[in-house]
C-alpha atoms as a PDB file:
ATOM      1  CA  MET A   1    -112.744  99.910   8.885  1.00  0.00           C
ATOM      2  CA  VAL A   2    -111.940  97.020  11.163  1.00  0.00           C
ATOM      3  CA  LYS A   3    -114.009  94.963  12.778  1.00  0.00           C
ATOM      4  CA  LYS A   4    -113.999  94.695  16.598  1.00  0.00           C
ATOM      5  CA  TYR A   5    -115.075  91.178  18.085  1.00  0.00           C
ATOM      6  CA  ASN A   6    -116.276  90.893  21.767  1.00  0.00           C
ATOM      7  CA  ILE A   7    -115.546  87.233  23.007  1.00  0.00           C
ATOM      8  CA  SER A   8    -116.943  86.935  26.450  1.00  0.00           C
ATOM      9  CA  ALA A   9    -115.105  84.502  29.016  1.00  0.00           C
ATOM     10  CA  SER A  10    -117.663  81.694  28.272  1.00  0.00           C
ATOM     11  CA  ASP A  11    -117.304  81.911  24.569  1.00  0.00           C
ATOM     12  CA  LEU A  12    -113.567  81.287  25.126  1.00  0.00           C
ATOM     13  CA  ILE A  13    -113.454  78.832  27.504  1.00  0.00           C
ATOM     14  CA  ILE A  14    -116.385  77.021  24.817  1.00  0.00           C
ATOM     15  CA  TYR A  15    -113.579  77.937  21.687  1.00  0.00           C
ATOM     16  CA  SER A  16    -110.900  76.749  23.686  1.00  0.00           C
ATOM     17  CA  SER A  17    -112.461  73.458  24.918  1.00  0.00           C
ATOM     18  CA  LEU A  18    -113.091  72.793  21.337  1.00  0.00           C
ATOM     19  CA  LEU A  19    -109.201  73.426  19.863  1.00  0.00           C
ATOM     20  CA  LEU A  20    -108.481  71.171  22.666  1.00  0.00           C
ATOM     21  CA  GLY A  21    -110.590  68.454  21.651  1.00  0.00           C
ATOM     22  CA  VAL A  22    -109.780  69.093  18.453  1.00  0.00           C
ATOM     23  CA  PHE A  23    -105.997  68.699  19.630  1.00  0.00           C
ATOM     24  CA  LEU A  24    -106.421  65.402  21.606  1.00  0.00           C
ATOM     25  CA  VAL A  25    -108.112  63.903  18.266  1.00  0.00           C
ATOM     26  CA  ILE A  26    -105.895  64.876  15.889  1.00  0.00           C
ATOM     27  CA  TRP A  27    -102.656  64.220  17.879  1.00  0.00           C
ATOM     28  CA  PRO A  28    -102.549  59.884  18.039  1.00  0.00           C
ATOM     29  CA  LEU A  29    -103.492  60.135  14.052  1.00  0.00           C
ATOM     30  CA  LEU A  30    -100.206  62.358  13.142  1.00  0.00           C
ATOM     31  CA  ASN A  31     -98.365  60.114  15.622  1.00  0.00           C
ATOM     32  CA  LEU A  32     -99.239  56.905  13.739  1.00  0.00           C
ATOM     33  CA  LEU A  33     -98.245  58.520  10.703  1.00  0.00           C
ATOM     34  CA  ALA A  34     -95.054  59.855  11.807  1.00  0.00           C
ATOM     35  CA  TRP A  35     -94.152  56.524  13.254  1.00  0.00           C
ATOM     36  CA  ALA A  36     -95.316  54.815   9.616  1.00  0.00           C
ATOM     37  CA  LEU A  37     -93.698  57.300   7.696  1.00  0.00           C
ATOM     38  CA  THR A  38     -89.963  57.330   9.391  1.00  0.00           C
ATOM     39  CA  PRO A  39     -87.126  55.221   7.964  1.00  0.00           C
ATOM     40  CA  THR A  40     -86.470  52.287   9.853  1.00  0.00           C
ATOM     41  CA  ASN A  41     -82.771  53.103  10.317  1.00  0.00           C
ATOM     42  CA  LYS A  42     -84.063  56.918  12.233  1.00  0.00           C
ATOM     43  CA  VAL A  43     -87.043  55.271  13.961  1.00  0.00           C
ATOM     44  CA  HIS A  44     -85.055  55.429  17.159  1.00  0.00           C
ATOM     45  CA  LEU A  45     -84.784  59.044  16.897  1.00  0.00           C
ATOM     46  CA  LEU A  46     -88.956  58.806  17.437  1.00  0.00           C
ATOM     47  CA  ASP A  47     -90.297  59.785  20.388  1.00  0.00           C
ATOM     48  CA  GLY A  48     -93.244  57.544  21.623  1.00  0.00           C
ATOM     49  CA  LEU A  49     -95.817  61.086  21.234  1.00  0.00           C
ATOM     50  CA  ASP A  50     -93.713  63.079  18.357  1.00  0.00           C
ATOM     51  CA  ILE A  51     -96.039  63.958  15.454  1.00  0.00           C
ATOM     52  CA  PHE A  52     -93.090  64.915  12.992  1.00  0.00           C
ATOM     53  CA  PRO A  53     -91.892  62.056  11.143  1.00  0.00           C
ATOM     54  CA  LYS A  54     -88.000  61.839  11.167  1.00  0.00           C
ATOM     55  CA  GLY A  55     -87.457  61.442   7.399  1.00  0.00           C
ATOM     56  CA  PHE A  56     -89.883  59.880   4.615  1.00  0.00           C
ATOM     57  CA  ASP A  57     -90.527  56.269   3.679  1.00  0.00           C
ATOM     58  CA  ILE A  58     -93.621  54.522   1.967  1.00  0.00           C
ATOM     59  CA  ASP A  59     -91.722  51.177   2.291  1.00  0.00           C
ATOM     60  CA  VAL A  60     -94.054  49.953   4.945  1.00  0.00           C
ATOM     61  CA  PHE A  61     -97.404  51.242   3.193  1.00  0.00           C
ATOM     62  CA  LYS A  62     -96.294  49.239  -0.297  1.00  0.00           C
ATOM     63  CA  LEU A  63     -95.574  46.408   2.044  1.00  0.00           C
ATOM     64  CA  MET A  64     -98.514  45.809   3.566  1.00  0.00           C
ATOM     65  CA  LEU A  65    -100.793  47.068   0.529  1.00  0.00           C
ATOM     66  CA  SER A  66     -98.981  44.576  -1.644  1.00  0.00           C
ATOM     67  CA  ASN A  67     -99.978  41.586   0.823  1.00  0.00           C
ATOM     68  CA  PRO A  68    -102.464  39.558  -0.582  1.00  0.00           C
ATOM     69  CA  ARG A  69    -104.383  38.971   2.900  1.00  0.00           C
ATOM     70  CA  VAL A  70    -104.466  42.639   3.534  1.00  0.00           C
ATOM     71  CA  LEU A  71    -106.159  43.545  -0.120  1.00  0.00           C
ATOM     72  CA  ILE A  72    -108.605  40.427   0.852  1.00  0.00           C
ATOM     73  CA  SER A  73    -109.245  41.888   3.947  1.00  0.00           C
ATOM     74  CA  PHE A  74    -109.523  45.057   2.769  1.00  0.00           C
ATOM     75  CA  THR A  75    -112.272  44.195   0.333  1.00  0.00           C
ATOM     76  CA  ASN A  76    -114.354  41.959   2.794  1.00  0.00           C
ATOM     77  CA  SER A  77    -114.584  45.237   4.855  1.00  0.00           C
ATOM     78  CA  ILE A  78    -115.736  46.768   2.404  1.00  0.00           C
ATOM     79  CA  TYR A  79    -118.204  44.484   1.063  1.00  0.00           C
ATOM     80  CA  ILE A  80    -119.547  43.624   4.740  1.00  0.00           C
ATOM     81  CA  THR A  81    -119.992  47.561   5.232  1.00  0.00           C
ATOM     82  CA  SER A  82    -121.737  48.557   2.007  1.00  0.00           C
ATOM     83  CA  ILE A  83    -124.359  45.674   1.767  1.00  0.00           C
ATOM     84  CA  GLY A  84    -124.599  46.289   5.576  1.00  0.00           C
ATOM     85  CA  LEU A  85    -125.287  49.546   5.435  1.00  0.00           C
ATOM     86  CA  CYS A  86    -127.686  49.673   2.469  1.00  0.00           C
ATOM     87  CA  LEU A  87    -129.708  46.882   4.747  1.00  0.00           C
ATOM     88  CA  ASN A  88    -129.412  48.662   8.024  1.00  0.00           C
ATOM     89  CA  ILE A  89    -131.081  51.982   6.218  1.00  0.00           C
ATOM     90  CA  PHE A  90    -133.736  50.626   4.673  1.00  0.00           C
ATOM     91  CA  PHE A  91    -135.040  48.263   7.299  1.00  0.00           C
ATOM     92  CA  THR A  92    -134.499  51.107   9.777  1.00  0.00           C
ATOM     93  CA  SER A  93    -136.673  53.729   8.129  1.00  0.00           C
ATOM     94  CA  ILE A  94    -138.610  51.506   6.954  1.00  0.00           C
ATOM     95  CA  ALA A  95    -139.717  49.973  10.679  1.00  0.00           C
ATOM     96  CA  ALA A  96    -139.429  54.263  11.931  1.00  0.00           C
ATOM     97  CA  TYR A  97    -141.877  54.884   9.384  1.00  0.00           C
ATOM     98  CA  ALA A  98    -144.634  52.803  10.503  1.00  0.00           C
ATOM     99  CA  LEU A  99    -143.929  52.876  14.168  1.00  0.00           C
ATOM    100  CA  SER A 100    -144.414  56.386  13.871  1.00  0.00           C
ATOM    101  CA  LYS A 101    -147.832  56.554  13.199  1.00  0.00           C
ATOM    102  CA  ASN A 102    -149.811  56.392  16.217  1.00  0.00           C
ATOM    103  CA  TYR A 103    -152.651  54.420  14.501  1.00  0.00           C
ATOM    104  CA  LEU A 104    -150.876  51.517  13.560  1.00  0.00           C
ATOM    105  CA  PRO A 105    -152.494  48.197  15.504  1.00  0.00           C
ATOM    106  CA  GLY A 106    -150.565  47.224  18.609  1.00  0.00           C
ATOM    107  CA  ARG A 107    -147.632  50.112  18.129  1.00  0.00           C
ATOM    108  CA  ASN A 108    -147.652  50.060  21.509  1.00  0.00           C
ATOM    109  CA  ILE A 109    -147.068  46.225  22.109  1.00  0.00           C
ATOM    110  CA  ILE A 110    -144.314  46.365  18.872  1.00  0.00           C
ATOM    111  CA  LEU A 111    -142.505  49.274  20.562  1.00  0.00           C
ATOM    112  CA  THR A 112    -142.219  47.405  24.135  1.00  0.00           C
ATOM    113  CA  ILE A 113    -140.758  44.372  22.449  1.00  0.00           C
ATOM    114  CA  ILE A 114    -138.155  46.217  20.754  1.00  0.00           C
ATOM    115  CA  ILE A 115    -137.264  48.245  24.007  1.00  0.00           C
ATOM    116  CA  PHE A 116    -136.977  44.823  25.656  1.00  0.00           C
ATOM    117  CA  THR A 117    -134.835  43.671  23.075  1.00  0.00           C
ATOM    118  CA  MET A 118    -132.320  46.918  23.610  1.00  0.00           C
ATOM    119  CA  VAL A 119    -132.846  46.211  27.641  1.00  0.00           C
ATOM    120  CA  PHE A 120    -132.118  42.629  27.347  1.00  0.00           C
ATOM    121  CA  GLU A 121    -130.029  41.373  25.266  1.00  0.00           C
ATOM    122  CA  PRO A 122    -129.128  38.091  24.220  1.00  0.00           C
ATOM    123  CA  SER A 123    -126.126  36.243  25.212  1.00  0.00           C
ATOM    124  CA  ILE A 124    -123.295  35.015  22.704  1.00  0.00           C
ATOM    125  CA  VAL A 125    -123.463  31.379  23.561  1.00  0.00           C
ATOM    126  CA  THR A 126    -127.425  31.704  22.313  1.00  0.00           C
ATOM    127  CA  GLU A 127    -126.618  34.018  19.380  1.00  0.00           C
ATOM    128  CA  PHE A 128    -124.009  31.514  18.700  1.00  0.00           C
ATOM    129  CA  LEU A 129    -126.469  28.691  18.379  1.00  0.00           C
ATOM    130  CA  VAL A 130    -129.127  30.613  16.422  1.00  0.00           C
ATOM    131  CA  VAL A 131    -126.501  31.372  14.279  1.00  0.00           C
ATOM    132  CA  LYS A 132    -125.254  27.688  13.843  1.00  0.00           C
ATOM    133  CA  LYS A 133    -128.959  26.713  13.343  1.00  0.00           C
ATOM    134  CA  ILE A 134    -130.051  28.514  10.401  1.00  0.00           C
ATOM    135  CA  GLY A 135    -127.386  28.123   8.624  1.00  0.00           C
ATOM    136  CA  LEU A 136    -125.332  31.128   8.851  1.00  0.00           C
ATOM    137  CA  PHE A 137    -122.069  30.361  10.067  1.00  0.00           C
ATOM    138  CA  ASP A 138    -119.133  30.916   8.324  1.00  0.00           C
ATOM    139  CA  SER A 139    -120.881  33.190   6.033  1.00  0.00           C
ATOM    140  CA  TYR A 140    -121.186  36.999   5.379  1.00  0.00           C
ATOM    141  CA  TRP A 141    -124.232  37.062   6.462  1.00  0.00           C
ATOM    142  CA  SER A 142    -123.517  36.456  10.026  1.00  0.00           C
ATOM    143  CA  ILE A 143    -121.658  39.500  10.414  1.00  0.00           C
ATOM    144  CA  ILE A 144    -124.156  41.358   7.918  1.00  0.00           C
ATOM    145  CA  LEU A 145    -127.645  40.772   9.335  1.00  0.00           C
ATOM    146  CA  TYR A 146    -126.123  41.218  13.275  1.00  0.00           C
ATOM    147  CA  LYS A 147    -128.319  44.367  14.471  1.00  0.00           C
ATOM    148  CA  MET A 148    -129.821  44.992  11.611  1.00  0.00           C
ATOM    149  CA  VAL A 149    -131.550  47.200  13.095  1.00  0.00           C
ATOM    150  CA  ASN A 150    -130.395  49.185  16.197  1.00  0.00           C
ATOM    151  CA  VAL A 151    -133.027  49.912  18.532  1.00  0.00           C
ATOM    152  CA  TYR A 152    -131.643  53.477  19.537  1.00  0.00           C
ATOM    153  CA  TYR A 153    -131.358  54.454  16.158  1.00  0.00           C
ATOM    154  CA  LEU A 154    -134.528  53.383  15.057  1.00  0.00           C
ATOM    155  CA  ILE A 155    -136.129  55.144  17.993  1.00  0.00           C
ATOM    156  CA  LEU A 156    -134.434  58.031  16.932  1.00  0.00           C
ATOM    157  CA  MET A 157    -135.757  57.714  13.220  1.00  0.00           C
ATOM    158  CA  ILE A 158    -139.307  57.484  15.012  1.00  0.00           C
ATOM    159  CA  ARG A 159    -138.342  60.601  16.653  1.00  0.00           C
ATOM    160  CA  PHE A 160    -137.637  62.651  13.749  1.00  0.00           C
ATOM    161  CA  PHE A 161    -140.448  61.322  11.326  1.00  0.00           C
ATOM    162  CA  LYS A 162    -142.836  62.213  14.236  1.00  0.00           C
ATOM    163  CA  GLU A 163    -141.982  65.473  13.693  1.00  0.00           C
ATOM    164  CA  LEU A 164    -142.152  66.333   9.937  1.00  0.00           C
ATOM    165  CA  PRO A 165    -145.002  68.507   9.238  1.00  0.00           C
ATOM    166  CA  ASP A 166    -148.717  66.364   9.077  1.00  0.00           C
ATOM    167  CA  ALA A 167    -149.811  68.889   6.019  1.00  0.00           C
ATOM    168  CA  TYR A 168    -147.028  67.006   3.765  1.00  0.00           C
ATOM    169  CA  PHE A 169    -149.395  64.015   4.725  1.00  0.00           C
ATOM    170  CA  GLU A 170    -152.504  64.966   3.912  1.00  0.00           C
ATOM    171  CA  ALA A 171    -151.396  66.317   0.999  1.00  0.00           C
ATOM    172  CA  ALA A 172    -150.228  63.164  -0.346  1.00  0.00           C
ATOM    173  CA  GLU A 173    -153.661  61.375   0.854  1.00  0.00           C
ATOM    174  CA  ILE A 174    -155.574  64.284  -0.642  1.00  0.00           C
ATOM    175  CA  ASP A 175    -153.384  63.166  -4.246  1.00  0.00           C
ATOM    176  CA  GLY A 176    -154.295  59.596  -3.099  1.00  0.00           C
ATOM    177  CA  ALA A 177    -151.085  58.442  -2.806  1.00  0.00           C
ATOM    178  CA  ASN A 178    -150.399  55.205  -0.490  1.00  0.00           C
ATOM    179  CA  HIS A 179    -148.024  54.962   2.249  1.00  0.00           C
ATOM    180  CA  PHE A 180    -145.104  53.704  -0.323  1.00  0.00           C
ATOM    181  CA  GLN A 181    -145.293  56.366  -2.327  1.00  0.00           C
ATOM    182  CA  THR A 182    -145.798  58.747   0.982  1.00  0.00           C
ATOM    183  CA  PHE A 183    -142.480  57.070   2.010  1.00  0.00           C
ATOM    184  CA  TYR A 184    -140.677  57.525  -1.485  1.00  0.00           C
ATOM    185  CA  TYR A 185    -141.416  60.721  -2.519  1.00  0.00           C
ATOM    186  CA  ILE A 186    -142.120  63.032   0.350  1.00  0.00           C
ATOM    187  CA  VAL A 187    -140.261  61.356   3.920  1.00  0.00           C
ATOM    188  CA  LEU A 188    -136.889  60.030   2.226  1.00  0.00           C
ATOM    189  CA  PRO A 189    -136.347  63.458   0.475  1.00  0.00           C
ATOM    190  CA  LEU A 190    -137.049  65.286   3.926  1.00  0.00           C
ATOM    191  CA  SER A 191    -134.890  62.819   5.796  1.00  0.00           C
ATOM    192  CA  VAL A 192    -131.663  62.736   4.309  1.00  0.00           C
ATOM    193  CA  PRO A 193    -129.568  64.379   7.093  1.00  0.00           C
ATOM    194  CA  ALA A 194    -130.891  62.048   9.545  1.00  0.00           C
ATOM    195  CA  MET A 195    -130.394  59.021   7.361  1.00  0.00           C
ATOM    196  CA  MET A 196    -126.581  60.302   6.758  1.00  0.00           C
ATOM    197  CA  VAL A 197    -126.375  60.642  10.553  1.00  0.00           C
ATOM    198  CA  ILE A 198    -127.739  57.521  11.151  1.00  0.00           C
ATOM    199  CA  GLY A 199    -125.742  55.817   8.385  1.00  0.00           C
ATOM    200  CA  LEU A 200    -122.276  57.135   9.384  1.00  0.00           C
ATOM    201  CA  PHE A 201    -123.251  55.506  12.684  1.00  0.00           C
ATOM    202  CA  TYR A 202    -123.951  52.173  11.060  1.00  0.00           C
ATOM    203  CA  THR A 203    -120.918  52.464   8.715  1.00  0.00           C
ATOM    204  CA  VAL A 204    -119.043  52.963  11.947  1.00  0.00           C
ATOM    205  CA  ALA A 205    -119.992  49.882  13.779  1.00  0.00           C
ATOM    206  CA  HIS A 206    -119.778  47.756  10.823  1.00  0.00           C
ATOM    207  CA  TRP A 207    -116.369  48.216   9.469  1.00  0.00           C
ATOM    208  CA  ASN A 208    -114.644  48.301  13.184  1.00  0.00           C
ATOM    209  CA  GLU A 209    -116.541  44.879  13.601  1.00  0.00           C
ATOM    210  CA  TYR A 210    -114.275  42.248  14.713  1.00  0.00           C
ATOM    211  CA  PHE A 211    -115.595  40.174  17.737  1.00  0.00           C
ATOM    212  CA  HIS A 212    -118.627  38.687  16.114  1.00  0.00           C
ATOM    213  CA  ALA A 213    -116.317  38.085  12.814  1.00  0.00           C
ATOM    214  CA  MET A 214    -113.495  36.667  15.191  1.00  0.00           C
ATOM    215  CA  ILE A 215    -116.032  34.028  16.237  1.00  0.00           C
ATOM    216  CA  TYR A 216    -118.535  33.285  13.265  1.00  0.00           C
ATOM    217  CA  LEU A 217    -115.964  33.372  10.303  1.00  0.00           C
ATOM    218  CA  ASN A 218    -113.547  30.498  10.587  1.00  0.00           C
ATOM    219  CA  ASP A 219    -112.342  30.850   6.533  1.00  0.00           C
ATOM    220  CA  THR A 220    -109.389  33.755   7.343  1.00  0.00           C
ATOM    221  CA  SER A 221    -110.081  34.437   3.443  1.00  0.00           C
ATOM    222  CA  LYS A 222    -113.218  35.806   4.793  1.00  0.00           C
ATOM    223  CA  TRP A 223    -112.063  37.865   7.923  1.00  0.00           C
ATOM    224  CA  PRO A 224    -112.763  41.728   7.195  1.00  0.00           C
ATOM    225  CA  LEU A 225    -109.614  43.967   8.078  1.00  0.00           C
ATOM    226  CA  GLN A 226    -110.231  44.466  11.985  1.00  0.00           C
ATOM    227  CA  VAL A 227    -109.528  40.918  12.801  1.00  0.00           C
ATOM    228  CA  LEU A 228    -106.436  40.852  10.509  1.00  0.00           C
ATOM    229  CA  LEU A 229    -105.599  44.245  12.666  1.00  0.00           C
ATOM    230  CA  ARG A 230    -106.389  41.942  15.630  1.00  0.00           C
ATOM    231  CA  GLU A 231    -103.891  39.281  14.749  1.00  0.00           C
ATOM    232  CA  PHE A 232    -100.924  41.157  14.118  1.00  0.00           C
ATOM    233  CA  ALA A 233    -101.480  44.187  16.619  1.00  0.00           C
ATOM    234  CA  ILE A 234    -102.796  42.023  19.532  1.00  0.00           C
ATOM    235  CA  VAL A 235    -101.873  38.685  19.025  1.00  0.00           C
ATOM    236  CA  GLY A 236     -98.647  39.370  17.549  1.00  0.00           C
ATOM    237  CA  ASP A 237     -99.026  37.349  14.639  1.00  0.00           C
ATOM    238  CA  ARG A 238     -96.491  39.022  12.156  1.00  0.00           C
ATOM    239  CA  GLY A 239     -96.550  36.570   9.510  1.00  0.00           C
ATOM    240  CA  SER A 240    -100.272  37.934   9.070  1.00  0.00           C
ATOM    241  CA  MET A 241     -98.767  41.390   7.647  1.00  0.00           C
ATOM    242  CA  VAL A 242     -95.355  39.721   5.871  1.00  0.00           C
ATOM    243  CA  SER A 243     -96.102  36.864   3.500  1.00  0.00           C
ATOM    244  CA  TYR A 244     -93.834  34.714   2.275  1.00  0.00           C
ATOM    245  CA  GLN A 245     -94.369  36.471  -1.422  1.00  0.00           C
ATOM    246  CA  ASN A 246     -93.594  39.838   0.614  1.00  0.00           C
ATOM    247  CA  ILE A 247     -90.473  38.628   1.830  1.00  0.00           C
ATOM    248  CA  LEU A 248     -89.157  37.567  -1.694  1.00  0.00           C
ATOM    249  CA  GLU A 249     -90.236  40.806  -3.318  1.00  0.00           C
ATOM    250  CA  TRP A 250     -88.745  42.974  -0.171  1.00  0.00           C
ATOM    251  CA  GLY A 251     -85.342  41.690   1.087  1.00  0.00           C
ATOM    252  CA  ASP A 252     -85.943  43.384   4.069  1.00  0.00           C
ATOM    253  CA  ALA A 253     -89.397  43.218   4.804  1.00  0.00           C
ATOM    254  CA  THR A 254     -88.606  41.037   8.134  1.00  0.00           C
ATOM    255  CA  GLN A 255     -86.158  43.877   8.953  1.00  0.00           C
ATOM    256  CA  ILE A 256     -88.639  46.888   9.494  1.00  0.00           C
ATOM    257  CA  ASP A 257     -89.357  47.999  12.323  1.00  0.00           C
ATOM    258  CA  ILE A 258     -92.539  46.391  14.160  1.00  0.00           C
ATOM    259  CA  ARG A 259     -94.070  49.618  15.361  1.00  0.00           C
ATOM    260  CA  ARG A 260     -93.697  51.223  11.950  1.00  0.00           C
ATOM    261  CA  MET A 261     -95.929  48.086  10.188  1.00  0.00           C
ATOM    262  CA  ARG A 262     -98.414  48.477  13.402  1.00  0.00           C
ATOM    263  CA  ALA A 263     -99.078  52.023  13.006  1.00  0.00           C
ATOM    264  CA  THR A 264     -98.988  51.524   9.634  1.00  0.00           C
ATOM    265  CA  ILE A 265    -102.002  48.730   9.493  1.00  0.00           C
ATOM    266  CA  ILE A 266    -103.732  51.051  11.887  1.00  0.00           C
ATOM    267  CA  PHE A 267    -103.647  53.694   9.965  1.00  0.00           C
ATOM    268  CA  ILE A 268    -104.927  52.154   6.745  1.00  0.00           C
ATOM    269  CA  THR A 269    -107.407  50.553   8.841  1.00  0.00           C
ATOM    270  CA  LEU A 270    -108.745  54.241   9.945  1.00  0.00           C
ATOM    271  CA  PHE A 271    -108.141  56.244   6.648  1.00  0.00           C
ATOM    272  CA  PRO A 272    -111.641  55.205   5.101  1.00  0.00           C
ATOM    273  CA  ILE A 273    -113.687  56.628   8.295  1.00  0.00           C
ATOM    274  CA  LEU A 274    -111.550  59.770   7.955  1.00  0.00           C
ATOM    275  CA  LEU A 275    -112.329  60.225   4.287  1.00  0.00           C
ATOM    276  CA  LEU A 276    -116.181  59.222   4.924  1.00  0.00           C
ATOM    277  CA  PHE A 277    -116.527  62.410   8.010  1.00  0.00           C
ATOM    278  CA  PRO A 278    -115.500  65.616   5.409  1.00  0.00           C
ATOM    279  CA  LEU A 279    -118.054  64.007   2.820  1.00  0.00           C
ATOM    280  CA  ILE A 280    -121.129  64.052   5.324  1.00  0.00           C
ATOM    281  CA  LEU A 281    -119.999  66.999   7.347  1.00  0.00           C
ATOM    282  CA  LYS A 282    -123.044  69.278   5.450  1.00  0.00           C
ATOM    283  CA  TYR A 283    -125.563  66.486   6.678  1.00  0.00           C
ATOM    284  CA  PHE A 284    -124.075  65.884   9.860  1.00  0.00           C
ATOM    285  CA  THR A 285    -124.849  69.856  11.223  1.00  0.00           C
ATOM    286  CA  LYS A 286    -128.575  69.331  10.493  1.00  0.00           C
ATOM    287  CA  GLY A 287    -129.247  65.558  11.373  1.00  0.00           C
ATOM    288  CA  ILE A 288    -127.021  66.126  14.814  1.00  0.00           C
ATOM    289  CA  ASN A 289    -130.691  67.386  16.184  1.00  0.00           C
ATOM    290  CA  LEU A 290    -132.270  64.615  15.511  1.00  0.00           C
ATOM    291  CA  GLY A 291    -134.963  63.953  17.563  1.00  0.00           C
ATOM    292  CA  GLY A 292    -134.755  67.140  19.231  1.00  0.00           C
ATOM    293  CA  ILE A 293    -137.696  69.406  19.703  1.00  0.00           C
ATOM    294  CA  LYS A 294    -138.563  71.655  17.110  1.00  0.00           C
ATOM    295  CA  GLU A 295    -140.735  74.762  17.909  1.00  0.00           C
END
């Protein structure tokens, strides 16, 4: 028996809008991939918005991934993102759990101060002087510790913790569990979807960070991938992508179209984040209502 589906006009508009949104998101990625994979002698056949390569050649990917600067910067980005994410999740969840308790002494004052810092952020000059004064200049920690706790995410986590059933906490208290045991054995397992969503936001923020890294890191060997991308794609420093060793190994390295190189390094930069989304998609639908009203 063939099932009949009745789709209303409003549903049709919603589905069409979602498909259009997916199309607009995927098109630039496919366009980057088309430019990266098209052989240099056929690049002239590409239109600006083409999504299908005119051939297949991964020579630019080999060129980029054989460059020590790209590999070092890629490693730096992974290190900064990994360490920063662990600290972000730990301190945000601990602070949110404490502030979700109405009986916490001075809770309202602490929340007021925290929200004040969100509205009135210090200037970059003040941040620079503080970083230099405490000895973090030209250190990975100047990037990792920046906004270790995002106030907006903290407030969302507070709302999430406040909406957890009181019965769990009452049972833990009767069993003699202290706050750390309650947090580890009860709150954390129930908060996995929320922490995965918040973790995704923190990960994207760390991975895309370039401004503070550009200011605080003078040593180019400590640069994350985004700073190297800026040097090449915006400043136009072709030498950041094609080293002397590359020229020796790849005789025609300097002849590769600059647009192919730019598209390739951008795609390499985006690829880890693109891989991350499918892995946490099952948590995202649960955590998207983080802080929402529940009945």
